[in-house]
């Protein structure tokens, strides 16, 4: 079976990211992992698709922020459960 071709454009990266997006009802840990992977992919494509470098970096930053927000919410939920 042939290996999938890595994305070469920001548009292809959007398509790839959407292909492994979790269900809305997925647990927070799954969403956090998704956001972290998406951030890595957008960061990588920024160096490949130079015409969309700044836009890709903005997407990467947004995904990192969302992952961090989920991480904070998970920690707060654990702290509340521990009380």
PDB file of N, CA and C in Angstrom:
ATOM      1  N   UNK A   1       0.848  -1.176   0.000  1.00  0.00           N
ATOM      2  CA  UNK A   1       0.000   0.000   0.000  1.00  0.00           C
ATOM      3  C   UNK A   1       0.895   1.242   0.000  1.00  0.00           C
ATOM      4  N   UNK A   2       0.646   2.181  -0.922  1.00  0.00           N
ATOM      5  CA  UNK A   2       1.506   3.380  -0.974  1.00  0.00           C
ATOM      6  C   UNK A   2       1.283   4.293   0.219  1.00  0.00           C
ATOM      7  N   UNK A   3       2.362   4.924   0.624  1.00  0.00           N
ATOM      8  CA  UNK A   3       2.274   5.870   1.736  1.00  0.00           C
ATOM      9  C   UNK A   3       1.662   7.164   1.230  1.00  0.00           C
ATOM     10  N   UNK A   4       0.833   7.812   2.070  1.00  0.00           N
ATOM     11  CA  UNK A   4       0.250   9.080   1.633  1.00  0.00           C
ATOM     12  C   UNK A   4       1.338  10.135   1.416  1.00  0.00           C
ATOM     13  N   UNK A   5       1.118  10.968   0.438  1.00  0.00           N
ATOM     14  CA  UNK A   5       2.052  12.044   0.141  1.00  0.00           C
ATOM     15  C   UNK A   5       1.877  13.154   1.172  1.00  0.00           C
ATOM     16  N   UNK A   6       2.954  13.613   1.786  1.00  0.00           N
ATOM     17  CA  UNK A   6       2.829  14.701   2.756  1.00  0.00           C
ATOM     18  C   UNK A   6       2.303  15.965   2.071  1.00  0.00           C
ATOM     19  N   UNK A   7       1.591  16.794   2.797  1.00  0.00           N
ATOM     20  CA  UNK A   7       1.073  18.018   2.184  1.00  0.00           C
ATOM     21  C   UNK A   7       2.207  18.945   1.753  1.00  0.00           C
ATOM     22  N   UNK A   8       1.937  19.659   0.655  1.00  0.00           N
ATOM     23  CA  UNK A   8       2.918  20.611   0.139  1.00  0.00           C
ATOM     24  C   UNK A   8       2.388  22.039   0.167  1.00  0.00           C
ATOM     25  N   UNK A   9       1.112  22.181   0.523  1.00  0.00           N
ATOM     26  CA  UNK A   9       0.504  23.513   0.580  1.00  0.00           C
ATOM     27  C   UNK A   9      -0.314  23.640   1.866  1.00  0.00           C
ATOM     28  N   UNK A  10      -0.616  24.874   2.207  1.00  0.00           N
ATOM     29  CA  UNK A  10      -1.459  25.118   3.379  1.00  0.00           C
ATOM     30  C   UNK A  10      -2.834  24.503   3.168  1.00  0.00           C
ATOM     31  N   UNK A  11      -3.369  24.618   1.976  1.00  0.00           N
ATOM     32  CA  UNK A  11      -4.681  24.045   1.673  1.00  0.00           C
ATOM     33  C   UNK A  11      -4.690  22.533   1.881  1.00  0.00           C
ATOM     34  N   UNK A  12      -3.658  21.860   1.428  1.00  0.00           N
ATOM     35  CA  UNK A  12      -3.560  20.410   1.632  1.00  0.00           C
ATOM     36  C   UNK A  12      -3.434  20.080   3.118  1.00  0.00           C
ATOM     37  N   UNK A  13      -2.769  20.940   3.853  1.00  0.00           N
ATOM     38  CA  UNK A  13      -2.637  20.722   5.295  1.00  0.00           C
ATOM     39  C   UNK A  13      -3.989  20.865   5.974  1.00  0.00           C
ATOM     40  N   UNK A  14      -4.781  21.856   5.566  1.00  0.00           N
ATOM     41  CA  UNK A  14      -6.143  21.989   6.115  1.00  0.00           C
ATOM     42  C   UNK A  14      -6.930  20.702   5.875  1.00  0.00           C
ATOM     43  N   UNK A  15      -6.851  20.168   4.661  1.00  0.00           N
ATOM     44  CA  UNK A  15      -7.574  18.933   4.332  1.00  0.00           C
ATOM     45  C   UNK A  15      -7.100  17.776   5.201  1.00  0.00           C
ATOM     46  N   UNK A  16      -5.791  17.660   5.379  1.00  0.00           N
ATOM     47  CA  UNK A  16      -5.243  16.586   6.204  1.00  0.00           C
ATOM     48  C   UNK A  16      -5.716  16.721   7.645  1.00  0.00           C
ATOM     49  N   UNK A  17      -5.637  17.920   8.189  1.00  0.00           N
ATOM     50  CA  UNK A  17      -6.050  18.149   9.577  1.00  0.00           C
ATOM     51  C   UNK A  17      -7.520  17.774   9.755  1.00  0.00           C
ATOM     52  N   UNK A  18      -8.359  18.178   8.812  1.00  0.00           N
ATOM     53  CA  UNK A  18      -9.786  17.868   8.924  1.00  0.00           C
ATOM     54  C   UNK A  18     -10.057  16.369   8.806  1.00  0.00           C
ATOM     55  N   UNK A  19      -9.155  15.634   8.159  1.00  0.00           N
ATOM     56  CA  UNK A  19      -9.360  14.191   7.980  1.00  0.00           C
ATOM     57  C   UNK A  19      -9.216  13.407   9.282  1.00  0.00           C
ATOM     58  N   UNK A  20      -8.525  13.964  10.270  1.00  0.00           N
ATOM     59  CA  UNK A  20      -8.374  13.250  11.547  1.00  0.00           C
ATOM     60  C   UNK A  20      -8.973  14.025  12.720  1.00  0.00           C
ATOM     61  N   UNK A  21      -9.833  14.982  12.403  1.00  0.00           N
ATOM     62  CA  UNK A  21     -10.505  15.769  13.447  1.00  0.00           C
ATOM     63  C   UNK A  21     -11.431  14.866  14.251  1.00  0.00           C
ATOM     64  N   UNK A  22     -11.359  14.924  15.575  1.00  0.00           N
ATOM     65  CA  UNK A  22     -12.221  14.069  16.395  1.00  0.00           C
ATOM     66  C   UNK A  22     -13.682  14.522  16.360  1.00  0.00           C
ATOM     67  N   UNK A  23     -14.535  13.643  16.797  1.00  0.00           N
ATOM     68  CA  UNK A  23     -15.957  13.965  16.911  1.00  0.00           C
ATOM     69  C   UNK A  23     -16.127  15.037  17.989  1.00  0.00           C
ATOM     70  N   UNK A  24     -17.187  15.824  17.858  1.00  0.00           N
ATOM     71  CA  UNK A  24     -17.440  16.873  18.850  1.00  0.00           C
ATOM     72  C   UNK A  24     -17.539  16.288  20.262  1.00  0.00           C
ATOM     73  N   UNK A  25     -18.019  15.065  20.355  1.00  0.00           N
ATOM     74  CA  UNK A  25     -18.211  14.435  21.663  1.00  0.00           C
ATOM     75  C   UNK A  25     -16.960  13.732  22.184  1.00  0.00           C
ATOM     76  N   UNK A  26     -15.865  13.820  21.457  1.00  0.00           N
ATOM     77  CA  UNK A  26     -14.623  13.167  21.888  1.00  0.00           C
ATOM     78  C   UNK A  26     -14.151  13.760  23.210  1.00  0.00           C
ATOM     79  N   UNK A  27     -13.454  12.956  24.009  1.00  0.00           N
ATOM     80  CA  UNK A  27     -12.948  13.465  25.288  1.00  0.00           C
ATOM     81  C   UNK A  27     -11.899  14.562  25.090  1.00  0.00           C
ATOM     82  N   UNK A  28     -11.751  15.424  26.098  1.00  0.00           N
ATOM     83  CA  UNK A  28     -10.795  16.531  25.997  1.00  0.00           C
ATOM     84  C   UNK A  28      -9.370  16.085  25.639  1.00  0.00           C
ATOM     85  N   UNK A  29      -8.926  14.961  26.155  1.00  0.00           N
ATOM     86  CA  UNK A  29      -7.564  14.506  25.866  1.00  0.00           C
ATOM     87  C   UNK A  29      -7.383  14.247  24.367  1.00  0.00           C
ATOM     88  N   UNK A  30      -8.428  13.737  23.728  1.00  0.00           N
ATOM     89  CA  UNK A  30      -8.355  13.485  22.285  1.00  0.00           C
ATOM     90  C   UNK A  30      -8.309  14.807  21.511  1.00  0.00           C
ATOM     91  N   UNK A  31      -9.091  15.774  21.954  1.00  0.00           N
ATOM     92  CA  UNK A  31      -9.072  17.092  21.318  1.00  0.00           C
ATOM     93  C   UNK A  31      -7.729  17.773  21.522  1.00  0.00           C
ATOM     94  N   UNK A  32      -7.159  17.637  22.709  1.00  0.00           N
ATOM     95  CA  UNK A  32      -5.854  18.250  22.981  1.00  0.00           C
ATOM     96  C   UNK A  32      -4.791  17.651  22.061  1.00  0.00           C
ATOM     97  N   UNK A  33      -4.789  16.326  21.919  1.00  0.00           N
ATOM     98  CA  UNK A  33      -3.824  15.659  21.035  1.00  0.00           C
ATOM     99  C   UNK A  33      -4.024  16.112  19.587  1.00  0.00           C
ATOM    100  N   UNK A  34      -5.272  16.247  19.173  1.00  0.00           N
ATOM    101  CA  UNK A  34      -5.575  16.725  17.820  1.00  0.00           C
ATOM    102  C   UNK A  34      -5.010  18.128  17.615  1.00  0.00           C
ATOM    103  N   UNK A  35      -5.274  19.022  18.553  1.00  0.00           N
ATOM    104  CA  UNK A  35      -4.799  20.406  18.429  1.00  0.00           C
ATOM    105  C   UNK A  35      -3.276  20.465  18.389  1.00  0.00           C
ATOM    106  N   UNK A  36      -2.606  19.657  19.204  1.00  0.00           N
ATOM    107  CA  UNK A  36      -1.144  19.643  19.223  1.00  0.00           C
ATOM    108  C   UNK A  36      -0.578  19.139  17.894  1.00  0.00           C
ATOM    109  N   UNK A  37      -1.191  18.078  17.350  1.00  0.00           N
ATOM    110  CA  UNK A  37      -0.732  17.546  16.060  1.00  0.00           C
ATOM    111  C   UNK A  37      -0.981  18.561  14.954  1.00  0.00           C
ATOM    112  N   UNK A  38      -2.142  19.201  14.973  1.00  0.00           N
ATOM    113  CA  UNK A  38      -2.455  20.211  13.960  1.00  0.00           C
ATOM    114  C   UNK A  38      -1.441  21.350  14.029  1.00  0.00           C
ATOM    115  N   UNK A  39      -1.095  21.784  15.220  1.00  0.00           N
ATOM    116  CA  UNK A  39      -0.115  22.863  15.378  1.00  0.00           C
ATOM    117  C   UNK A  39       1.222  22.458  14.761  1.00  0.00           C
ATOM    118  N   UNK A  40       1.648  21.226  15.003  1.00  0.00           N
ATOM    119  CA  UNK A  40       2.918  20.753  14.425  1.00  0.00           C
ATOM    120  C   UNK A  40       2.851  20.756  12.896  1.00  0.00           C
ATOM    121  N   UNK A  41       1.736  20.288  12.343  1.00  0.00           N
ATOM    122  CA  UNK A  41       1.598  20.241  10.892  1.00  0.00           C
ATOM    123  C   UNK A  41       1.599  21.638  10.282  1.00  0.00           C
ATOM    124  N   UNK A  42       0.881  22.562  10.904  1.00  0.00           N
ATOM    125  CA  UNK A  42       0.857  23.933  10.387  1.00  0.00           C
ATOM    126  C   UNK A  42       2.235  24.582  10.502  1.00  0.00           C
ATOM    127  N   UNK A  43       2.930  24.286  11.564  1.00  0.00           N
ATOM    128  CA  UNK A  43       4.286  24.820  11.737  1.00  0.00           C
ATOM    129  C   UNK A  43       5.216  24.281  10.649  1.00  0.00           C
ATOM    130  N   UNK A  44       5.091  22.991  10.353  1.00  0.00           N
ATOM    131  CA  UNK A  44       5.933  22.380   9.318  1.00  0.00           C
ATOM    132  C   UNK A  44       5.624  22.967   7.938  1.00  0.00           C
ATOM    133  N   UNK A  45       4.336  23.140   7.615  1.00  0.00           N
ATOM    134  CA  UNK A  45       3.979  23.613   6.281  1.00  0.00           C
ATOM    135  C   UNK A  45       4.401  25.070   6.091  1.00  0.00           C
ATOM    136  N   UNK A  46       4.538  25.805   7.171  1.00  0.00           N
ATOM    137  CA  UNK A  46       4.972  27.200   7.056  1.00  0.00           C
ATOM    138  C   UNK A  46       6.329  27.305   6.382  1.00  0.00           C
ATOM    139  N   UNK A  47       7.178  26.310   6.568  1.00  0.00           N
ATOM    140  CA  UNK A  47       8.502  26.322   5.942  1.00  0.00           C
ATOM    141  C   UNK A  47       8.484  25.776   4.518  1.00  0.00           C
ATOM    142  N   UNK A  48       7.409  25.086   4.158  1.00  0.00           N
ATOM    143  CA  UNK A  48       7.318  24.484   2.824  1.00  0.00           C
ATOM    144  C   UNK A  48       6.543  25.391   1.870  1.00  0.00           C
ATOM    145  N   UNK A  49       5.379  25.838   2.307  1.00  0.00           N
ATOM    146  CA  UNK A  49       4.534  26.715   1.486  1.00  0.00           C
ATOM    147  C   UNK A  49       4.848  28.156   1.880  1.00  0.00           C
ATOM    148  N   UNK A  50       5.934  28.665   1.336  1.00  0.00           N
ATOM    149  CA  UNK A  50       6.436  29.983   1.745  1.00  0.00           C
ATOM    150  C   UNK A  50       5.471  31.122   1.413  1.00  0.00           C
ATOM    151  N   UNK A  51       4.619  30.934   0.415  1.00  0.00           N
ATOM    152  CA  UNK A  51       3.647  31.978   0.064  1.00  0.00           C
ATOM    153  C   UNK A  51       2.577  32.130   1.145  1.00  0.00           C
ATOM    154  N   UNK A  52       2.424  31.115   1.965  1.00  0.00           N
ATOM    155  CA  UNK A  52       1.427  31.158   3.038  1.00  0.00           C
ATOM    156  C   UNK A  52       2.078  31.014   4.415  1.00  0.00           C
ATOM    157  N   UNK A  53       3.347  31.379   4.487  1.00  0.00           N
ATOM    158  CA  UNK A  53       4.121  31.215   5.723  1.00  0.00           C
ATOM    159  C   UNK A  53       3.426  31.860   6.931  1.00  0.00           C
ATOM    160  N   UNK A  54       3.066  33.116   6.811  1.00  0.00           N
ATOM    161  CA  UNK A  54       2.496  33.831   7.958  1.00  0.00           C
ATOM    162  C   UNK A  54       1.127  33.286   8.338  1.00  0.00           C
ATOM    163  N   UNK A  55       0.336  32.934   7.342  1.00  0.00           N
ATOM    164  CA  UNK A  55      -0.978  32.353   7.626  1.00  0.00           C
ATOM    165  C   UNK A  55      -0.832  30.995   8.317  1.00  0.00           C
ATOM    166  N   UNK A  56       0.100  30.179   7.842  1.00  0.00           N
ATOM    167  CA  UNK A  56       0.329  28.871   8.466  1.00  0.00           C
ATOM    168  C   UNK A  56       0.819  29.038   9.902  1.00  0.00           C
ATOM    169  N   UNK A  57       1.687  30.019  10.123  1.00  0.00           N
ATOM    170  CA  UNK A  57       2.165  30.271  11.486  1.00  0.00           C
ATOM    171  C   UNK A  57       1.016  30.734  12.388  1.00  0.00           C
ATOM    172  N   UNK A  58       0.092  31.504  11.838  1.00  0.00           N
ATOM    173  CA  UNK A  58      -1.068  31.936  12.620  1.00  0.00           C
ATOM    174  C   UNK A  58      -1.944  30.740  12.974  1.00  0.00           C
ATOM    175  N   UNK A  59      -2.131  29.835  12.018  1.00  0.00           N
ATOM    176  CA  UNK A  59      -2.900  28.619  12.314  1.00  0.00           C
ATOM    177  C   UNK A  59      -2.195  27.796  13.398  1.00  0.00           C
ATOM    178  N   UNK A  60      -0.889  27.664  13.292  1.00  0.00           N
ATOM    179  CA  UNK A  60      -0.127  26.895  14.291  1.00  0.00           C
ATOM    180  C   UNK A  60      -0.278  27.520  15.672  1.00  0.00           C
ATOM    181  N   UNK A  61      -0.174  28.822  15.745  1.00  0.00           N
ATOM    182  CA  UNK A  61      -0.320  29.525  17.019  1.00  0.00           C
ATOM    183  C   UNK A  61      -1.715  29.329  17.596  1.00  0.00           C
ATOM    184  N   UNK A  62      -2.718  29.440  16.757  1.00  0.00           N
ATOM    185  CA  UNK A  62      -4.097  29.252  17.206  1.00  0.00           C
ATOM    186  C   UNK A  62      -4.311  27.847  17.759  1.00  0.00           C
ATOM    187  N   UNK A  63      -3.784  26.857  17.060  1.00  0.00           N
ATOM    188  CA  UNK A  63      -3.945  25.470  17.513  1.00  0.00           C
ATOM    189  C   UNK A  63      -3.190  25.233  18.820  1.00  0.00           C
ATOM    190  N   UNK A  64      -2.004  25.817  18.968  1.00  0.00           N
ATOM    191  CA  UNK A  64      -1.259  25.684  20.230  1.00  0.00           C
ATOM    192  C   UNK A  64      -2.033  26.305  21.384  1.00  0.00           C
ATOM    193  N   UNK A  65      -2.623  27.480  21.138  1.00  0.00           N
ATOM    194  CA  UNK A  65      -3.411  28.153  22.180  1.00  0.00           C
ATOM    195  C   UNK A  65      -4.621  27.316  22.574  1.00  0.00           C
ATOM    196  N   UNK A  66      -5.295  26.732  21.603  1.00  0.00           N
ATOM    197  CA  UNK A  66      -6.464  25.883  21.899  1.00  0.00           C
ATOM    198  C   UNK A  66      -6.046  24.651  22.682  1.00  0.00           C
ATOM    199  N   UNK A  67      -4.901  24.055  22.326  1.00  0.00           N
ATOM    200  CA  UNK A  67      -4.408  22.889  23.057  1.00  0.00           C
ATOM    201  C   UNK A  67      -4.080  23.273  24.502  1.00  0.00           C
ATOM    202  N   UNK A  68      -3.454  24.424  24.677  1.00  0.00           N
ATOM    203  CA  UNK A  68      -3.110  24.883  26.030  1.00  0.00           C
ATOM    204  C   UNK A  68      -4.376  25.145  26.843  1.00  0.00           C
ATOM    205  N   UNK A  69      -5.385  25.724  26.210  1.00  0.00           N
ATOM    206  CA  UNK A  69      -6.646  25.992  26.897  1.00  0.00           C
ATOM    207  C   UNK A  69      -7.310  24.687  27.349  1.00  0.00           C
ATOM    208  N   UNK A  70      -7.294  23.695  26.487  1.00  0.00           N
ATOM    209  CA  UNK A  70      -7.857  22.393  26.857  1.00  0.00           C
ATOM    210  C   UNK A  70      -7.056  21.799  28.009  1.00  0.00           C
ATOM    211  N   UNK A  71      -5.737  21.914  27.952  1.00  0.00           N
ATOM    212  CA  UNK A  71      -4.888  21.401  29.028  1.00  0.00           C
ATOM    213  C   UNK A  71      -5.198  22.067  30.364  1.00  0.00           C
ATOM    214  N   UNK A  72      -5.394  23.389  30.332  1.00  0.00           N
ATOM    215  CA  UNK A  72      -5.751  24.105  31.566  1.00  0.00           C
ATOM    216  C   UNK A  72      -7.100  23.623  32.105  1.00  0.00           C
ATOM    217  N   UNK A  73      -8.057  23.474  31.225  1.00  0.00           N
ATOM    218  CA  UNK A  73      -9.388  23.015  31.646  1.00  0.00           C
ATOM    219  C   UNK A  73      -9.316  21.606  32.230  1.00  0.00           C
ATOM    220  N   UNK A  74      -8.493  20.756  31.642  1.00  0.00           N
ATOM    221  CA  UNK A  74      -8.337  19.388  32.161  1.00  0.00           C
ATOM    222  C   UNK A  74      -7.707  19.413  33.550  1.00  0.00           C
ATOM    223  N   UNK A  75      -6.689  20.256  33.735  1.00  0.00           N
ATOM    224  CA  UNK A  75      -6.044  20.356  35.056  1.00  0.00           C
ATOM    225  C   UNK A  75      -7.023  20.893  36.097  1.00  0.00           C
ATOM    226  N   UNK A  76      -7.807  21.898  35.724  1.00  0.00           N
ATOM    227  CA  UNK A  76      -8.796  22.457  36.653  1.00  0.00           C
ATOM    228  C   UNK A  76      -9.840  21.408  37.029  1.00  0.00           C
ATOM    229  N   UNK A  77     -10.281  20.633  36.057  1.00  0.00           N
ATOM    230  CA  UNK A  77     -11.270  19.572  36.335  1.00  0.00           C
ATOM    231  C   UNK A  77     -10.693  18.533  37.283  1.00  0.00           C
ATOM    232  N   UNK A  78      -9.425  18.166  37.093  1.00  0.00           N
ATOM    233  CA  UNK A  78      -8.792  17.192  37.992  1.00  0.00           C
ATOM    234  C   UNK A  78      -8.659  17.769  39.394  1.00  0.00           C
ATOM    235  N   UNK A  79      -8.337  19.054  39.492  1.00  0.00           N
ATOM    236  CA  UNK A  79      -8.185  19.683  40.803  1.00  0.00           C
ATOM    237  C   UNK A  79      -9.533  19.713  41.530  1.00  0.00           C
ATOM    238  N   UNK A  80     -10.590  19.988  40.814  1.00  0.00           N
ATOM    239  CA  UNK A  80     -11.922  20.004  41.421  1.00  0.00           C
ATOM    240  C   UNK A  80     -12.316  18.595  41.860  1.00  0.00           C
ATOM    241  N   UNK A  81     -12.023  17.608  41.039  1.00  0.00           N
ATOM    242  CA  UNK A  81     -12.339  16.218  41.388  1.00  0.00           C
ATOM    243  C   UNK A  81     -11.562  15.758  42.608  1.00  0.00           C
ATOM    244  N   UNK A  82     -10.341  16.257  42.786  1.00  0.00           N
ATOM    245  CA  UNK A  82      -9.494  15.847  43.899  1.00  0.00           C
ATOM    246  C   UNK A  82      -9.953  16.401  45.231  1.00  0.00           C
ATOM    247  N   UNK A  83     -10.790  17.433  45.202  1.00  0.00           N
ATOM    248  CA  UNK A  83     -11.229  18.061  46.455  1.00  0.00           C
ATOM    249  C   UNK A  83     -12.279  17.233  47.142  1.00  0.00           C
TER     250      UNK A  83
END
